[in-house]
Protein backbone atom coordinates (compact mmCIF):
# COMPACT_ATOMS: atom_id res chain seq x y z
CA UNK A 1 0.00 0.00 0.00
CA UNK A 2 1.21 3.42 -0.87
CA UNK A 3 0.59 6.01 1.83
CA UNK A 4 2.85 8.63 0.27
CA UNK A 5 1.36 12.09 0.01
CA UNK A 6 -0.97 11.61 2.97
CA UNK A 7 -1.20 14.34 5.60
CA UNK A 8 -1.56 11.85 8.46
CA UNK A 9 0.77 9.11 9.71
CA UNK A 10 0.33 5.61 8.36
CA UNK A 11 -0.44 4.11 11.77
CA UNK A 12 -3.25 6.62 12.32
CA UNK A 13 -4.81 5.75 8.96
CA UNK A 14 -4.60 2.00 9.60
CA UNK A 15 -5.96 2.34 13.16
CA UNK A 16 -8.92 4.40 11.94
CA UNK A 17 -9.72 1.86 9.22
CA UNK A 18 -9.45 -0.96 11.77
CA UNK A 19 -11.87 0.78 14.15
CA UNK A 20 -14.37 1.34 11.36
CA UNK A 21 -14.24 -2.24 10.11
CA UNK A 22 -14.16 -3.90 13.54
CA UNK A 23 -16.68 -1.83 15.51
CA UNK A 24 -19.98 -0.40 14.33
CA UNK A 25 -18.83 3.21 14.32
CA UNK A 26 -19.98 5.91 11.96
CA UNK A 27 -17.54 8.20 10.22
CA UNK A 28 -18.69 11.03 12.48
CA UNK A 29 -17.99 8.85 15.52
CA UNK A 30 -14.48 8.22 14.22
CA UNK A 31 -14.01 11.94 13.73
CA UNK A 32 -15.06 12.59 17.34
CA UNK A 33 -12.79 9.85 18.70
CA UNK A 34 -9.81 11.22 16.80
CA UNK A 35 -10.67 14.76 17.87
CA UNK A 36 -10.62 13.62 21.51
CA UNK A 37 -7.11 12.32 20.84
CA UNK A 38 -5.98 15.66 19.44
CA UNK A 39 -6.32 14.97 15.71
CA UNK A 40 -8.38 17.53 13.81
CA UNK A 41 -10.07 15.58 11.03
CA UNK A 42 -13.24 15.93 8.95
CA UNK A 43 -15.58 12.94 8.96
CA UNK A 44 -15.22 12.43 5.21
CA UNK A 45 -11.50 11.73 5.54
CA UNK A 46 -11.96 8.29 7.21
CA UNK A 47 -14.60 7.55 4.56
CA UNK A 48 -12.03 8.17 1.82
CA UNK A 49 -9.45 6.06 3.64
CA UNK A 50 -11.84 3.13 4.03
CA UNK A 51 -12.93 3.33 0.39
CA UNK A 52 -9.34 3.38 -0.84
CA UNK A 53 -7.47 1.09 1.53
CA UNK A 54 -10.00 -1.50 2.78
CA UNK A 55 -10.05 -3.46 -0.51
CA UNK A 56 -6.24 -3.44 -0.57
CA UNK A 57 -6.08 -4.65 3.03
CA UNK A 58 -8.57 -7.42 2.26
CA UNK A 59 -6.57 -8.57 -0.77
CA UNK A 60 -3.38 -8.64 1.29
CA UNK A 61 -5.14 -10.60 4.02
CA UNK A 62 -6.45 -13.17 1.54
CA UNK A 63 -2.94 -13.70 0.17
CA UNK A 64 -1.50 -14.36 3.63
CA UNK A 65 -4.39 -16.38 5.06
CA UNK A 66 -3.69 -20.06 5.50
CA UNK A 67 -5.84 -22.49 3.60
CA UNK A 68 -8.00 -24.72 5.76
CA UNK A 69 -8.17 -27.57 3.28
CA UNK A 70 -10.90 -28.88 1.02
CA UNK A 71 -12.45 -31.61 3.15
CA UNK A 72 -13.71 -31.63 6.69
CA UNK A 73 -15.63 -34.01 8.90
CA UNK A 74 -18.13 -33.58 11.68
CA UNK A 75 -18.88 -36.12 14.37
CA UNK A 76 -22.45 -37.11 14.93
CA UNK A 77 -24.14 -35.63 17.94
CA UNK A 78 -27.22 -36.75 19.72
CA UNK A 79 -29.47 -34.48 21.68
CA UNK A 80 -31.61 -36.04 24.39
CA UNK A 81 -35.03 -34.57 24.91
CA UNK A 82 -35.95 -34.29 28.59
C-alpha atoms as a PDB file:
ATOM      1  CA  UNK A   1       0.000   0.000   0.000  1.00  0.00           C
ATOM      2  CA  UNK A   2       1.209   3.420  -0.866  1.00  0.00           C
ATOM      3  CA  UNK A   3       0.594   6.015   1.831  1.00  0.00           C
ATOM      4  CA  UNK A   4       2.850   8.625   0.271  1.00  0.00           C
ATOM      5  CA  UNK A   5       1.364  12.085   0.006  1.00  0.00           C
ATOM      6  CA  UNK A   6      -0.968  11.610   2.975  1.00  0.00           C
ATOM      7  CA  UNK A   7      -1.195  14.343   5.595  1.00  0.00           C
ATOM      8  CA  UNK A   8      -1.562  11.854   8.459  1.00  0.00           C
ATOM      9  CA  UNK A   9       0.770   9.110   9.711  1.00  0.00           C
ATOM     10  CA  UNK A  10       0.333   5.605   8.363  1.00  0.00           C
ATOM     11  CA  UNK A  11      -0.436   4.107  11.772  1.00  0.00           C
ATOM     12  CA  UNK A  12      -3.253   6.622  12.323  1.00  0.00           C
ATOM     13  CA  UNK A  13      -4.808   5.748   8.963  1.00  0.00           C
ATOM     14  CA  UNK A  14      -4.603   2.002   9.602  1.00  0.00           C
ATOM     15  CA  UNK A  15      -5.964   2.340  13.157  1.00  0.00           C
ATOM     16  CA  UNK A  16      -8.917   4.403  11.941  1.00  0.00           C
ATOM     17  CA  UNK A  17      -9.717   1.857   9.218  1.00  0.00           C
ATOM     18  CA  UNK A  18      -9.453  -0.958  11.773  1.00  0.00           C
ATOM     19  CA  UNK A  19     -11.866   0.780  14.151  1.00  0.00           C
ATOM     20  CA  UNK A  20     -14.370   1.345  11.365  1.00  0.00           C
ATOM     21  CA  UNK A  21     -14.236  -2.236  10.111  1.00  0.00           C
ATOM     22  CA  UNK A  22     -14.155  -3.901  13.536  1.00  0.00           C
ATOM     23  CA  UNK A  23     -16.675  -1.831  15.510  1.00  0.00           C
ATOM     24  CA  UNK A  24     -19.983  -0.400  14.329  1.00  0.00           C
ATOM     25  CA  UNK A  25     -18.827   3.205  14.317  1.00  0.00           C
ATOM     26  CA  UNK A  26     -19.984   5.907  11.957  1.00  0.00           C
ATOM     27  CA  UNK A  27     -17.541   8.197  10.216  1.00  0.00           C
ATOM     28  CA  UNK A  28     -18.685  11.029  12.475  1.00  0.00           C
ATOM     29  CA  UNK A  29     -17.987   8.851  15.522  1.00  0.00           C
ATOM     30  CA  UNK A  30     -14.480   8.216  14.223  1.00  0.00           C
ATOM     31  CA  UNK A  31     -14.009  11.944  13.725  1.00  0.00           C
ATOM     32  CA  UNK A  32     -15.061  12.594  17.338  1.00  0.00           C
ATOM     33  CA  UNK A  33     -12.788   9.853  18.695  1.00  0.00           C
ATOM     34  CA  UNK A  34      -9.805  11.222  16.803  1.00  0.00           C
ATOM     35  CA  UNK A  35     -10.670  14.762  17.867  1.00  0.00           C
ATOM     36  CA  UNK A  36     -10.621  13.624  21.511  1.00  0.00           C
ATOM     37  CA  UNK A  37      -7.110  12.321  20.839  1.00  0.00           C
ATOM     38  CA  UNK A  38      -5.981  15.662  19.438  1.00  0.00           C
ATOM     39  CA  UNK A  39      -6.322  14.968  15.708  1.00  0.00           C
ATOM     40  CA  UNK A  40      -8.381  17.527  13.808  1.00  0.00           C
ATOM     41  CA  UNK A  41     -10.071  15.584  11.035  1.00  0.00           C
ATOM     42  CA  UNK A  42     -13.244  15.932   8.954  1.00  0.00           C
ATOM     43  CA  UNK A  43     -15.584  12.941   8.958  1.00  0.00           C
ATOM     44  CA  UNK A  44     -15.217  12.431   5.208  1.00  0.00           C
ATOM     45  CA  UNK A  45     -11.502  11.732   5.538  1.00  0.00           C
ATOM     46  CA  UNK A  46     -11.964   8.290   7.212  1.00  0.00           C
ATOM     47  CA  UNK A  47     -14.596   7.552   4.556  1.00  0.00           C
ATOM     48  CA  UNK A  48     -12.032   8.168   1.824  1.00  0.00           C
ATOM     49  CA  UNK A  49      -9.448   6.057   3.639  1.00  0.00           C
ATOM     50  CA  UNK A  50     -11.840   3.130   4.027  1.00  0.00           C
ATOM     51  CA  UNK A  51     -12.928   3.329   0.388  1.00  0.00           C
ATOM     52  CA  UNK A  52      -9.340   3.382  -0.835  1.00  0.00           C
ATOM     53  CA  UNK A  53      -7.466   1.086   1.529  1.00  0.00           C
ATOM     54  CA  UNK A  54      -9.996  -1.503   2.781  1.00  0.00           C
ATOM     55  CA  UNK A  55     -10.045  -3.456  -0.508  1.00  0.00           C
ATOM     56  CA  UNK A  56      -6.238  -3.443  -0.571  1.00  0.00           C
ATOM     57  CA  UNK A  57      -6.082  -4.655   3.033  1.00  0.00           C
ATOM     58  CA  UNK A  58      -8.569  -7.424   2.260  1.00  0.00           C
ATOM     59  CA  UNK A  59      -6.574  -8.571  -0.774  1.00  0.00           C
ATOM     60  CA  UNK A  60      -3.378  -8.638   1.288  1.00  0.00           C
ATOM     61  CA  UNK A  61      -5.144 -10.596   4.023  1.00  0.00           C
ATOM     62  CA  UNK A  62      -6.448 -13.166   1.539  1.00  0.00           C
ATOM     63  CA  UNK A  63      -2.936 -13.700   0.171  1.00  0.00           C
ATOM     64  CA  UNK A  64      -1.496 -14.360   3.629  1.00  0.00           C
ATOM     65  CA  UNK A  65      -4.387 -16.380   5.063  1.00  0.00           C
ATOM     66  CA  UNK A  66      -3.691 -20.059   5.498  1.00  0.00           C
ATOM     67  CA  UNK A  67      -5.841 -22.487   3.604  1.00  0.00           C
ATOM     68  CA  UNK A  68      -8.005 -24.718   5.763  1.00  0.00           C
ATOM     69  CA  UNK A  69      -8.167 -27.572   3.284  1.00  0.00           C
ATOM     70  CA  UNK A  70     -10.895 -28.883   1.022  1.00  0.00           C
ATOM     71  CA  UNK A  71     -12.447 -31.611   3.150  1.00  0.00           C
ATOM     72  CA  UNK A  72     -13.709 -31.633   6.694  1.00  0.00           C
ATOM     73  CA  UNK A  73     -15.635 -34.011   8.903  1.00  0.00           C
ATOM     74  CA  UNK A  74     -18.132 -33.578  11.680  1.00  0.00           C
ATOM     75  CA  UNK A  75     -18.884 -36.118  14.373  1.00  0.00           C
ATOM     76  CA  UNK A  76     -22.448 -37.107  14.933  1.00  0.00           C
ATOM     77  CA  UNK A  77     -24.140 -35.627  17.937  1.00  0.00           C
ATOM     78  CA  UNK A  78     -27.219 -36.746  19.721  1.00  0.00           C
ATOM     79  CA  UNK A  79     -29.471 -34.476  21.681  1.00  0.00           C
ATOM     80  CA  UNK A  80     -31.610 -36.037  24.389  1.00  0.00           C
ATOM     81  CA  UNK A  81     -35.027 -34.574  24.909  1.00  0.00           C
ATOM     82  CA  UNK A  82     -35.948 -34.293  28.589  1.00  0.00           C
END
